[in-house]
PDB file of N, CA and C in Angstrom:
ATOM      1  N   MET A   1     249.745 276.355 100.315  1.00  0.00           N
ATOM      2  CA  MET A   1     249.076 277.307  99.448  1.00  0.00           C
ATOM      3  C   MET A   1     248.617 276.566  98.192  1.00  0.00           C
ATOM      4  N   GLY A   2     247.341 276.623  97.945  1.00  0.00           N
ATOM      5  CA  GLY A   2     246.783 275.945  96.780  1.00  0.00           C
ATOM      6  C   GLY A   2     246.678 276.895  95.597  1.00  0.00           C
ATOM      7  N   ILE A   3     245.755 276.580  94.745  1.00  0.00           N
ATOM      8  CA  ILE A   3     245.547 277.407  93.556  1.00  0.00           C
ATOM      9  C   ILE A   3     244.318 278.304  93.717  1.00  0.00           C
ATOM     10  N   GLU A   4     244.024 278.672  94.966  1.00  0.00           N
ATOM     11  CA  GLU A   4     242.870 279.527  95.236  1.00  0.00           C
ATOM     12  C   GLU A   4     242.995 280.881  94.567  1.00  0.00           C
ATOM     13  N   TRP A   5     244.196 281.363  94.407  1.00  0.00           N
ATOM     14  CA  TRP A   5     244.399 282.685  93.814  1.00  0.00           C
ATOM     15  C   TRP A   5     244.125 282.676  92.315  1.00  0.00           C
ATOM     16  N   LEU A   6     243.986 281.480  91.718  1.00  0.00           N
ATOM     17  CA  LEU A   6     243.687 281.387  90.289  1.00  0.00           C
ATOM     18  C   LEU A   6     242.196 281.418  89.982  1.00  0.00           C
ATOM     19  N   LYS A   7     241.369 281.431  91.018  1.00  0.00           N
ATOM     20  CA  LYS A   7     239.933 281.517  90.787  1.00  0.00           C
ATOM     21  C   LYS A   7     239.627 282.867  90.143  1.00  0.00           C
ATOM     22  N   PRO A   8     238.688 282.912  89.200  1.00  0.00           N
ATOM     23  CA  PRO A   8     238.418 284.160  88.472  1.00  0.00           C
ATOM     24  C   PRO A   8     238.068 285.336  89.378  1.00  0.00           C
ATOM     25  N   GLY A   9     237.289 285.102  90.422  1.00  0.00           N
ATOM     26  CA  GLY A   9     236.919 286.198  91.319  1.00  0.00           C
ATOM     27  C   GLY A   9     238.123 286.803  92.017  1.00  0.00           C
ATOM     28  N   ALA A  10     238.993 285.953  92.535  1.00  0.00           N
ATOM     29  CA  ALA A  10     240.184 286.434  93.233  1.00  0.00           C
ATOM     30  C   ALA A  10     241.164 287.087  92.261  1.00  0.00           C
ATOM     31  N   PHE A  11     241.332 286.486  91.106  1.00  0.00           N
ATOM     32  CA  PHE A  11     242.286 287.000  90.125  1.00  0.00           C
ATOM     33  C   PHE A  11     241.869 288.376  89.619  1.00  0.00           C
ATOM     34  N   PHE A  12     240.620 288.504  89.184  1.00  0.00           N
ATOM     35  CA  PHE A  12     240.165 289.785  88.648  1.00  0.00           C
ATOM     36  C   PHE A  12     240.005 290.835  89.748  1.00  0.00           C
ATOM     37  N   GLY A  13     239.701 290.395  90.960  1.00  0.00           N
ATOM     38  CA  GLY A  13     239.661 291.323  92.090  1.00  0.00           C
ATOM     39  C   GLY A  13     241.036 291.913  92.366  1.00  0.00           C
ATOM     40  N   SER A  14     242.060 291.069  92.298  1.00  0.00           N
ATOM     41  CA  SER A  14     243.434 291.550  92.507  1.00  0.00           C
ATOM     42  C   SER A  14     243.846 292.531  91.420  1.00  0.00           C
ATOM     43  N   ILE A  15     243.499 292.213  90.180  1.00  0.00           N
ATOM     44  CA  ILE A  15     243.814 293.116  89.069  1.00  0.00           C
ATOM     45  C   ILE A  15     243.093 294.446  89.249  1.00  0.00           C
ATOM     46  N   LEU A  16     241.824 294.402  89.643  1.00  0.00           N
ATOM     47  CA  LEU A  16     241.040 295.621  89.846  1.00  0.00           C
ATOM     48  C   LEU A  16     241.640 296.484  90.947  1.00  0.00           C
ATOM     49  N   TYR A  17     241.997 295.864  92.086  1.00  0.00           N
ATOM     50  CA  TYR A  17     242.602 296.624  93.171  1.00  0.00           C
ATOM     51  C   TYR A  17     243.957 297.198  92.776  1.00  0.00           C
ATOM     52  N   ALA A  18     244.719 296.474  91.986  1.00  0.00           N
ATOM     53  CA  ALA A  18     246.013 296.991  91.521  1.00  0.00           C
ATOM     54  C   ALA A  18     245.812 298.213  90.630  1.00  0.00           C
ATOM     55  N   VAL A  19     244.847 298.143  89.729  1.00  0.00           N
ATOM     56  CA  VAL A  19     244.572 299.287  88.836  1.00  0.00           C
ATOM     57  C   VAL A  19     244.076 300.484  89.646  1.00  0.00           C
ATOM     58  N   ILE A  20     243.195 300.245  90.607  1.00  0.00           N
ATOM     59  CA  ILE A  20     242.699 301.337  91.452  1.00  0.00           C
ATOM     60  C   ILE A  20     243.846 301.954  92.247  1.00  0.00           C
ATOM     61  N   GLY A  21     244.735 301.130  92.797  1.00  0.00           N
ATOM     62  CA  GLY A  21     245.874 301.640  93.559  1.00  0.00           C
ATOM     63  C   GLY A  21     246.808 302.483  92.715  1.00  0.00           C
ATOM     64  N   VAL A  22     247.100 302.038  91.499  1.00  0.00           N
ATOM     65  CA  VAL A  22     247.978 302.810  90.605  1.00  0.00           C
ATOM     66  C   VAL A  22     247.313 304.121  90.209  1.00  0.00           C
ATOM     67  N   ALA A  23     246.002 304.084  89.961  1.00  0.00           N
ATOM     68  CA  ALA A  23     245.284 305.309  89.591  1.00  0.00           C
ATOM     69  C   ALA A  23     245.281 306.317  90.736  1.00  0.00           C
ATOM     70  N   ILE A  24     245.076 305.860  91.955  1.00  0.00           N
ATOM     71  CA  ILE A  24     245.104 306.765  93.109  1.00  0.00           C
ATOM     72  C   ILE A  24     246.499 307.338  93.298  1.00  0.00           C
ATOM     73  N   PHE A  25     247.524 306.498  93.142  1.00  0.00           N
ATOM     74  CA  PHE A  25     248.893 307.000  93.263  1.00  0.00           C
ATOM     75  C   PHE A  25     249.185 308.049  92.200  1.00  0.00           C
ATOM     76  N   TRP A  26     248.798 307.775  90.953  1.00  0.00           N
ATOM     77  CA  TRP A  26     249.051 308.712  89.868  1.00  0.00           C
ATOM     78  C   TRP A  26     248.329 310.033  90.110  1.00  0.00           C
ATOM     79  N   LEU A  27     247.072 309.966  90.550  1.00  0.00           N
ATOM     80  CA  LEU A  27     246.294 311.173  90.819  1.00  0.00           C
ATOM     81  C   LEU A  27     246.919 311.991  91.948  1.00  0.00           C
ATOM     82  N   SER A  28     247.355 311.342  93.014  1.00  0.00           N
ATOM     83  CA  SER A  28     247.974 312.072  94.119  1.00  0.00           C
ATOM     84  C   SER A  28     249.304 312.684  93.697  1.00  0.00           C
ATOM     85  N   PHE A  29     250.058 311.998  92.851  1.00  0.00           N
ATOM     86  CA  PHE A  29     251.322 312.556  92.382  1.00  0.00           C
ATOM     87  C   PHE A  29     251.088 313.780  91.497  1.00  0.00           C
ATOM     88  N   VAL A  30     250.066 313.728  90.640  1.00  0.00           N
ATOM     89  CA  VAL A  30     249.740 314.879  89.794  1.00  0.00           C
ATOM     90  C   VAL A  30     249.314 316.067  90.652  1.00  0.00           C
ATOM     91  N   ILE A  31     248.529 315.809  91.689  1.00  0.00           N
ATOM     92  CA  ILE A  31     248.102 316.892  92.584  1.00  0.00           C
ATOM     93  C   ILE A  31     249.303 317.512  93.280  1.00  0.00           C
ATOM     94  N   ILE A  32     250.215 316.690  93.767  1.00  0.00           N
ATOM     95  CA  ILE A  32     251.407 317.218  94.441  1.00  0.00           C
ATOM     96  C   ILE A  32     252.273 317.989  93.455  1.00  0.00           C
ATOM     97  N   ASP A  33     252.352 317.524  92.220  1.00  0.00           N
ATOM     98  CA  ASP A  33     253.123 318.232  91.197  1.00  0.00           C
ATOM     99  C   ASP A  33     252.520 319.610  90.928  1.00  0.00           C
ATOM    100  N   LYS A  34     251.200 319.702  90.935  1.00  0.00           N
ATOM    101  CA  LYS A  34     250.535 320.996  90.692  1.00  0.00           C
ATOM    102  C   LYS A  34     250.669 321.933  91.884  1.00  0.00           C
ATOM    103  N   VAL A  35     250.732 321.387  93.102  1.00  0.00           N
ATOM    104  CA  VAL A  35     250.808 322.210  94.307  1.00  0.00           C
ATOM    105  C   VAL A  35     252.198 322.823  94.483  1.00  0.00           C
ATOM    106  N   THR A  36     253.233 322.116  94.067  1.00  0.00           N
ATOM    107  CA  THR A  36     254.593 322.632  94.230  1.00  0.00           C
ATOM    108  C   THR A  36     254.814 323.835  93.319  1.00  0.00           C
ATOM    109  N   PRO A  37     255.643 324.781  93.749  1.00  0.00           N
ATOM    110  CA  PRO A  37     255.810 326.017  92.976  1.00  0.00           C
ATOM    111  C   PRO A  37     256.676 325.891  91.721  1.00  0.00           C
ATOM    112  N   TYR A  38     257.219 324.727  91.442  1.00  0.00           N
ATOM    113  CA  TYR A  38     258.063 324.548  90.266  1.00  0.00           C
ATOM    114  C   TYR A  38     257.723 323.237  89.579  1.00  0.00           C
ATOM    115  N   ASN A  39     258.235 323.044  88.394  1.00  0.00           N
ATOM    116  CA  ASN A  39     257.969 321.833  87.609  1.00  0.00           C
ATOM    117  C   ASN A  39     258.913 320.730  88.089  1.00  0.00           C
ATOM    118  N   LEU A  40     258.343 319.676  88.669  1.00  0.00           N
ATOM    119  CA  LEU A  40     259.160 318.601  89.233  1.00  0.00           C
ATOM    120  C   LEU A  40     259.999 317.903  88.169  1.00  0.00           C
ATOM    121  N   TRP A  41     259.404 317.635  87.007  1.00  0.00           N
ATOM    122  CA  TRP A  41     260.124 316.931  85.952  1.00  0.00           C
ATOM    123  C   TRP A  41     261.343 317.728  85.496  1.00  0.00           C
ATOM    124  N   GLU A  42     261.175 319.021  85.304  1.00  0.00           N
ATOM    125  CA  GLU A  42     262.288 319.865  84.864  1.00  0.00           C
ATOM    126  C   GLU A  42     263.379 319.916  85.924  1.00  0.00           C
ATOM    127  N   GLU A  43     262.987 320.046  87.181  1.00  0.00           N
ATOM    128  CA  GLU A  43     263.973 320.118  88.260  1.00  0.00           C
ATOM    129  C   GLU A  43     264.760 318.811  88.405  1.00  0.00           C
ATOM    130  N   ILE A  44     264.070 317.690  88.311  1.00  0.00           N
ATOM    131  CA  ILE A  44     264.740 316.408  88.545  1.00  0.00           C
ATOM    132  C   ILE A  44     265.537 315.954  87.332  1.00  0.00           C
ATOM    133  N   VAL A  45     264.948 316.047  86.139  1.00  0.00           N
ATOM    134  CA  VAL A  45     265.594 315.484  84.951  1.00  0.00           C
ATOM    135  C   VAL A  45     266.557 316.471  84.299  1.00  0.00           C
ATOM    136  N   GLU A  46     266.090 317.674  84.023  1.00  0.00           N
ATOM    137  CA  GLU A  46     266.932 318.615  83.281  1.00  0.00           C
ATOM    138  C   GLU A  46     267.995 319.274  84.159  1.00  0.00           C
ATOM    139  N   LYS A  47     267.601 319.705  85.366  1.00  0.00           N
ATOM    140  CA  LYS A  47     268.558 320.353  86.265  1.00  0.00           C
ATOM    141  C   LYS A  47     269.261 319.354  87.176  1.00  0.00           C
ATOM    142  N   GLN A  48     268.841 318.094  87.144  1.00  0.00           N
ATOM    143  CA  GLN A  48     269.413 316.990  87.910  1.00  0.00           C
ATOM    144  C   GLN A  48     269.535 317.325  89.399  1.00  0.00           C
ATOM    145  N   ASN A  49     268.411 317.733  89.978  1.00  0.00           N
ATOM    146  CA  ASN A  49     268.340 318.053  91.397  1.00  0.00           C
ATOM    147  C   ASN A  49     268.182 316.751  92.179  1.00  0.00           C
ATOM    148  N   LEU A  50     269.286 316.227  92.674  1.00  0.00           N
ATOM    149  CA  LEU A  50     269.299 314.940  93.360  1.00  0.00           C
ATOM    150  C   LEU A  50     268.509 314.986  94.665  1.00  0.00           C
ATOM    151  N   ALA A  51     268.634 316.070  95.409  1.00  0.00           N
ATOM    152  CA  ALA A  51     267.920 316.178  96.681  1.00  0.00           C
ATOM    153  C   ALA A  51     266.411 316.135  96.465  1.00  0.00           C
ATOM    154  N   LEU A  52     265.916 316.837  95.466  1.00  0.00           N
ATOM    155  CA  LEU A  52     264.488 316.813  95.167  1.00  0.00           C
ATOM    156  C   LEU A  52     264.058 315.428  94.704  1.00  0.00           C
ATOM    157  N   GLY A  53     264.898 314.747  93.946  1.00  0.00           N
ATOM    158  CA  GLY A  53     264.587 313.393  93.508  1.00  0.00           C
ATOM    159  C   GLY A  53     264.437 312.433  94.682  1.00  0.00           C
ATOM    160  N   ILE A  54     265.301 312.569  95.677  1.00  0.00           N
ATOM    161  CA  ILE A  54     265.212 311.722  96.868  1.00  0.00           C
ATOM    162  C   ILE A  54     263.945 312.032  97.647  1.00  0.00           C
ATOM    163  N   VAL A  55     263.605 313.314  97.791  1.00  0.00           N
ATOM    164  CA  VAL A  55     262.393 313.702  98.509  1.00  0.00           C
ATOM    165  C   VAL A  55     261.147 313.189  97.790  1.00  0.00           C
ATOM    166  N   ILE A  56     261.095 313.336  96.480  1.00  0.00           N
ATOM    167  CA  ILE A  56     259.947 312.865  95.707  1.00  0.00           C
ATOM    168  C   ILE A  56     259.863 311.339  95.757  1.00  0.00           C
ATOM    169  N   GLY A  57     260.991 310.655  95.730  1.00  0.00           N
ATOM    170  CA  GLY A  57     260.986 309.201  95.852  1.00  0.00           C
ATOM    171  C   GLY A  57     260.452 308.743  97.205  1.00  0.00           C
ATOM    172  N   ALA A  58     260.870 309.411  98.274  1.00  0.00           N
ATOM    173  CA  ALA A  58     260.365 309.076  99.604  1.00  0.00           C
ATOM    174  C   ALA A  58     258.874 309.367  99.710  1.00  0.00           C
ATOM    175  N   MET A  59     258.438 310.482  99.112  1.00  0.00           N
ATOM    176  CA  MET A  59     257.021 310.829  99.113  1.00  0.00           C
ATOM    177  C   MET A  59     256.223 309.781  98.338  1.00  0.00           C
ATOM    178  N   SER A  60     256.753 309.339  97.230  1.00  0.00           N
ATOM    179  CA  SER A  60     256.076 308.317  96.425  1.00  0.00           C
ATOM    180  C   SER A  60     255.938 307.007  97.203  1.00  0.00           C
ATOM    181  N   LEU A  61     256.983 306.601  97.899  1.00  0.00           N
ATOM    182  CA  LEU A  61     256.900 305.391  98.720  1.00  0.00           C
ATOM    183  C   LEU A  61     255.873 305.543  99.832  1.00  0.00           C
ATOM    184  N   GLY A  62     255.816 306.714 100.444  1.00  0.00           N
ATOM    185  CA  GLY A  62     254.818 306.969 101.481  1.00  0.00           C
ATOM    186  C   GLY A  62     253.399 306.873 100.946  1.00  0.00           C
ATOM    187  N   ILE A  63     253.166 307.470  99.799  1.00  0.00           N
ATOM    188  CA  ILE A  63     251.829 307.401  99.179  1.00  0.00           C
ATOM    189  C   ILE A  63     251.490 305.954  98.827  1.00  0.00           C
ATOM    190  N   CYS A  64     252.458 305.212  98.309  1.00  0.00           N
ATOM    191  CA  CYS A  64     252.217 303.816  97.957  1.00  0.00           C
ATOM    192  C   CYS A  64     251.883 302.976  99.174  1.00  0.00           C
ATOM    193  N   ILE A  65     252.545 303.222 100.287  1.00  0.00           N
ATOM    194  CA  ILE A  65     252.255 302.471 101.509  1.00  0.00           C
ATOM    195  C   ILE A  65     250.848 302.792 101.997  1.00  0.00           C
ATOM    196  N   ILE A  66     250.457 304.063 101.945  1.00  0.00           N
ATOM    197  CA  ILE A  66     249.109 304.449 102.366  1.00  0.00           C
ATOM    198  C   ILE A  66     248.062 303.813 101.468  1.00  0.00           C
ATOM    199  N   VAL A  67     248.262 303.848 100.152  1.00  0.00           N
ATOM    200  CA  VAL A  67     247.302 303.251  99.217  1.00  0.00           C
ATOM    201  C   VAL A  67     247.228 301.742  99.428  1.00  0.00           C
ATOM    202  N   ALA A  68     248.375 301.094  99.638  1.00  0.00           N
ATOM    203  CA  ALA A  68     248.382 299.644  99.850  1.00  0.00           C
ATOM    204  C   ALA A  68     247.646 299.279 101.139  1.00  0.00           C
ATOM    205  N   ALA A  69     247.836 300.068 102.180  1.00  0.00           N
ATOM    206  CA  ALA A  69     247.139 299.796 103.441  1.00  0.00           C
ATOM    207  C   ALA A  69     245.640 300.011 103.293  1.00  0.00           C
ATOM    208  N   ALA A  70     245.252 301.012 102.513  1.00  0.00           N
ATOM    209  CA  ALA A  70     243.821 301.268 102.294  1.00  0.00           C
ATOM    210  C   ALA A  70     243.188 300.157 101.469  1.00  0.00           C
ATOM    211  N   VAL A  71     243.887 299.668 100.470  1.00  0.00           N
ATOM    212  CA  VAL A  71     243.339 298.608  99.619  1.00  0.00           C
ATOM    213  C   VAL A  71     243.307 297.281 100.385  1.00  0.00           C
ATOM    214  N   HIS A  72     244.357 297.032 101.160  1.00  0.00           N
ATOM    215  CA  HIS A  72     244.447 295.764 101.887  1.00  0.00           C
ATOM    216  C   HIS A  72     243.420 295.691 103.019  1.00  0.00           C
ATOM    217  N   GLY A  73     243.160 296.825 103.644  1.00  0.00           N
ATOM    218  CA  GLY A  73     242.147 296.874 104.698  1.00  0.00           C
ATOM    219  C   GLY A  73     242.769 296.636 106.000  1.00  0.00           C
TER     220      GLY A  73
END
């Protein structure tokens, strides 16, 4: 492995795809938060609903895998 990843095109392309991936993940999480009948933050943090936290964590990993596969091609 050489220093090909340090070329400006590859470097800035990677940064751009990372920003796009995070933005898509954030947007999908906000949509899911709005679709659910209760406030996720209040349920997880204030009421300490562990089961909901595990479900949301698994959902987040699933969304991240889908976004990564879409960006990677």
